[in-house]
Amino acid sequence: MSATTSGEEYRDLVICNSCQWAASLLKGSTGYSACPICGNAALDTIPVNDYEAYTMNVKNKNVEIEFTKD
């Protein structure tokens, strides 16, 4: 997990490299050692600040993520 500074909460975006399953993992939540859908252990984790939002577009196993700040 990411470190926090006063007044900020963090979450992580977790993405499976095999099947493109994704989830937001809130601070303090139990993480994933493998994808719950396909069982692959190759997961990428991207930290997201509380003032950031993201949208995902998945097409033909390609993942496009756009981050914006409030």
N, C-alpha and C. Protein backbone atom coordinates (compact mmCIF):
# COMPACT_ATOMS: atom_id res chain seq x y z
N MET A 1 0.83 -1.20 0.00
CA MET A 1 0.00 0.00 0.00
C MET A 1 0.86 1.25 0.00
N SER A 2 0.29 2.33 -0.40
CA SER A 2 0.97 3.61 -0.44
C SER A 2 0.96 4.26 0.93
N ALA A 3 1.93 5.13 1.17
CA ALA A 3 1.96 5.90 2.40
C ALA A 3 0.92 7.01 2.32
N THR A 4 0.47 7.50 3.48
CA THR A 4 -0.51 8.58 3.48
C THR A 4 0.05 9.80 4.17
N THR A 5 -0.48 10.95 3.81
CA THR A 5 -0.18 12.18 4.52
C THR A 5 -1.48 12.65 5.14
N SER A 6 -1.40 13.52 6.11
CA SER A 6 -2.57 13.96 6.84
C SER A 6 -3.67 14.46 5.91
N GLY A 7 -4.89 13.92 6.11
CA GLY A 7 -6.05 14.37 5.33
C GLY A 7 -6.22 13.68 4.00
N GLU A 8 -5.33 12.76 3.64
CA GLU A 8 -5.46 12.07 2.35
C GLU A 8 -5.69 10.58 2.57
N GLU A 9 -6.55 10.01 1.78
CA GLU A 9 -6.79 8.57 1.78
C GLU A 9 -6.35 8.04 0.43
N TYR A 10 -5.86 6.83 0.43
CA TYR A 10 -5.37 6.24 -0.81
C TYR A 10 -6.10 4.95 -1.11
N ARG A 11 -6.15 4.62 -2.37
CA ARG A 11 -6.65 3.34 -2.83
C ARG A 11 -5.75 2.92 -3.98
N ASP A 12 -5.78 1.66 -4.30
CA ASP A 12 -4.98 1.15 -5.41
C ASP A 12 -5.90 0.57 -6.46
N LEU A 13 -5.53 0.72 -7.70
CA LEU A 13 -6.19 0.07 -8.81
C LEU A 13 -5.39 -1.20 -9.09
N VAL A 14 -6.04 -2.35 -9.01
CA VAL A 14 -5.39 -3.64 -9.23
C VAL A 14 -5.90 -4.21 -10.55
N ILE A 15 -4.97 -4.62 -11.44
CA ILE A 15 -5.34 -5.15 -12.76
C ILE A 15 -4.61 -6.46 -12.99
N CYS A 16 -5.33 -7.47 -13.47
CA CYS A 16 -4.73 -8.75 -13.84
C CYS A 16 -4.12 -8.64 -15.23
N ASN A 17 -2.88 -9.08 -15.37
CA ASN A 17 -2.20 -9.02 -16.67
C ASN A 17 -2.69 -10.07 -17.65
N SER A 18 -3.44 -11.04 -17.18
CA SER A 18 -3.91 -12.11 -18.05
C SER A 18 -5.32 -11.87 -18.59
N CYS A 19 -6.28 -11.64 -17.69
CA CYS A 19 -7.68 -11.53 -18.13
C CYS A 19 -8.23 -10.11 -18.03
N GLN A 20 -7.45 -9.14 -17.58
CA GLN A 20 -7.82 -7.74 -17.43
C GLN A 20 -8.91 -7.50 -16.38
N TRP A 21 -9.09 -8.44 -15.45
CA TRP A 21 -9.94 -8.18 -14.29
C TRP A 21 -9.35 -7.00 -13.55
N ALA A 22 -10.19 -6.15 -12.97
CA ALA A 22 -9.70 -4.98 -12.25
C ALA A 22 -10.59 -4.70 -11.04
N ALA A 23 -9.97 -4.07 -10.02
CA ALA A 23 -10.71 -3.70 -8.81
C ALA A 23 -10.03 -2.53 -8.15
N SER A 24 -10.80 -1.74 -7.41
CA SER A 24 -10.25 -0.70 -6.54
C SER A 24 -10.05 -1.33 -5.18
N LEU A 25 -8.83 -1.23 -4.68
CA LEU A 25 -8.50 -1.80 -3.38
C LEU A 25 -8.33 -0.64 -2.40
N LEU A 26 -9.23 -0.53 -1.43
CA LEU A 26 -9.20 0.58 -0.47
C LEU A 26 -8.09 0.39 0.55
N LYS A 27 -7.60 1.50 1.08
CA LYS A 27 -6.56 1.48 2.10
C LYS A 27 -6.98 0.58 3.25
N GLY A 28 -6.07 -0.29 3.67
CA GLY A 28 -6.35 -1.18 4.78
C GLY A 28 -7.05 -2.48 4.38
N SER A 29 -7.45 -2.60 3.11
CA SER A 29 -8.09 -3.82 2.65
C SER A 29 -7.06 -4.93 2.43
N THR A 30 -7.52 -6.15 2.52
CA THR A 30 -6.67 -7.29 2.21
C THR A 30 -6.41 -7.30 0.71
N GLY A 31 -5.15 -7.45 0.32
CA GLY A 31 -4.80 -7.45 -1.09
C GLY A 31 -5.04 -8.79 -1.75
N TYR A 32 -4.65 -8.91 -2.97
CA TYR A 32 -4.81 -10.13 -3.75
C TYR A 32 -3.44 -10.71 -4.07
N SER A 33 -3.27 -12.00 -3.87
CA SER A 33 -2.03 -12.67 -4.27
C SER A 33 -2.17 -13.26 -5.66
N ALA A 34 -3.42 -13.40 -6.13
CA ALA A 34 -3.71 -13.91 -7.47
C ALA A 34 -5.07 -13.38 -7.91
N CYS A 35 -5.30 -13.39 -9.19
CA CYS A 35 -6.57 -12.94 -9.75
C CYS A 35 -7.69 -13.89 -9.31
N PRO A 36 -8.81 -13.37 -8.79
CA PRO A 36 -9.92 -14.24 -8.37
C PRO A 36 -10.68 -14.84 -9.56
N ILE A 37 -10.45 -14.35 -10.76
CA ILE A 37 -11.15 -14.87 -11.94
C ILE A 37 -10.35 -15.98 -12.62
N CYS A 38 -9.07 -15.70 -12.94
CA CYS A 38 -8.29 -16.68 -13.70
C CYS A 38 -7.17 -17.33 -12.90
N GLY A 39 -6.88 -16.84 -11.69
CA GLY A 39 -5.85 -17.44 -10.86
C GLY A 39 -4.43 -16.98 -11.13
N ASN A 40 -4.25 -16.11 -12.12
CA ASN A 40 -2.91 -15.62 -12.47
C ASN A 40 -2.36 -14.76 -11.33
N ALA A 41 -1.07 -14.96 -11.01
CA ALA A 41 -0.44 -14.18 -9.94
C ALA A 41 0.18 -12.88 -10.44
N ALA A 42 0.15 -12.63 -11.74
CA ALA A 42 0.74 -11.41 -12.32
C ALA A 42 -0.28 -10.27 -12.27
N LEU A 43 -0.30 -9.56 -11.13
CA LEU A 43 -1.21 -8.43 -10.95
C LEU A 43 -0.40 -7.14 -10.89
N ASP A 44 -0.88 -6.12 -11.56
CA ASP A 44 -0.28 -4.79 -11.47
C ASP A 44 -1.09 -3.96 -10.49
N THR A 45 -0.41 -3.16 -9.69
CA THR A 45 -1.05 -2.28 -8.73
C THR A 45 -0.65 -0.85 -9.00
N ILE A 46 -1.65 0.03 -9.17
CA ILE A 46 -1.41 1.45 -9.45
C ILE A 46 -2.02 2.26 -8.31
N PRO A 47 -1.21 3.03 -7.56
CA PRO A 47 -1.77 3.85 -6.48
C PRO A 47 -2.59 5.02 -7.05
N VAL A 48 -3.72 5.30 -6.39
CA VAL A 48 -4.61 6.39 -6.81
C VAL A 48 -4.90 7.25 -5.58
N ASN A 49 -4.66 8.55 -5.65
CA ASN A 49 -4.93 9.47 -4.54
C ASN A 49 -6.42 9.76 -4.44
N ASP A 50 -6.84 10.29 -3.30
CA ASP A 50 -8.27 10.57 -3.10
C ASP A 50 -8.80 11.66 -4.02
N TYR A 51 -7.95 12.52 -4.54
CA TYR A 51 -8.39 13.59 -5.43
C TYR A 51 -8.26 13.21 -6.91
N GLU A 52 -7.93 11.95 -7.17
CA GLU A 52 -7.83 11.46 -8.55
C GLU A 52 -9.00 10.54 -8.86
N ALA A 53 -9.42 10.58 -10.10
CA ALA A 53 -10.44 9.67 -10.60
C ALA A 53 -9.87 9.00 -11.85
N TYR A 54 -10.42 7.85 -12.20
CA TYR A 54 -9.94 7.19 -13.41
C TYR A 54 -11.10 6.53 -14.14
N THR A 55 -10.94 6.41 -15.44
CA THR A 55 -11.86 5.66 -16.27
C THR A 55 -11.04 4.63 -17.03
N MET A 56 -11.65 3.47 -17.24
CA MET A 56 -10.97 2.40 -17.96
C MET A 56 -11.75 2.04 -19.20
N ASN A 57 -11.02 1.72 -20.27
CA ASN A 57 -11.60 1.26 -21.50
C ASN A 57 -10.84 -0.01 -21.90
N VAL A 58 -11.54 -1.14 -21.99
CA VAL A 58 -10.90 -2.42 -22.34
C VAL A 58 -11.46 -2.89 -23.67
N LYS A 59 -10.56 -3.10 -24.64
CA LYS A 59 -10.95 -3.60 -25.95
C LYS A 59 -9.90 -4.61 -26.41
N ASN A 60 -10.34 -5.81 -26.72
CA ASN A 60 -9.46 -6.85 -27.27
C ASN A 60 -8.17 -7.02 -26.46
N LYS A 61 -8.31 -7.13 -25.14
CA LYS A 61 -7.19 -7.31 -24.21
C LYS A 61 -6.26 -6.11 -24.12
N ASN A 62 -6.67 -4.97 -24.63
CA ASN A 62 -5.92 -3.73 -24.45
C ASN A 62 -6.65 -2.89 -23.41
N VAL A 63 -5.90 -2.38 -22.45
CA VAL A 63 -6.49 -1.58 -21.38
C VAL A 63 -5.98 -0.15 -21.49
N GLU A 64 -6.92 0.79 -21.56
CA GLU A 64 -6.59 2.21 -21.58
C GLU A 64 -7.16 2.83 -20.32
N ILE A 65 -6.30 3.51 -19.54
CA ILE A 65 -6.73 4.14 -18.29
C ILE A 65 -6.45 5.63 -18.38
N GLU A 66 -7.48 6.42 -18.07
CA GLU A 66 -7.32 7.87 -18.07
C GLU A 66 -7.52 8.38 -16.66
N PHE A 67 -6.53 9.11 -16.14
CA PHE A 67 -6.59 9.68 -14.80
C PHE A 67 -6.93 11.17 -14.89
N THR A 68 -7.79 11.64 -13.98
CA THR A 68 -8.10 13.06 -13.88
C THR A 68 -8.04 13.46 -12.42
N LYS A 69 -7.76 14.75 -12.17
CA LYS A 69 -7.73 15.29 -10.81
C LYS A 69 -8.91 16.22 -10.62
N ASP A 70 -9.47 16.18 -9.41
CA ASP A 70 -10.59 17.09 -9.08
C ASP A 70 -10.08 18.49 -8.86
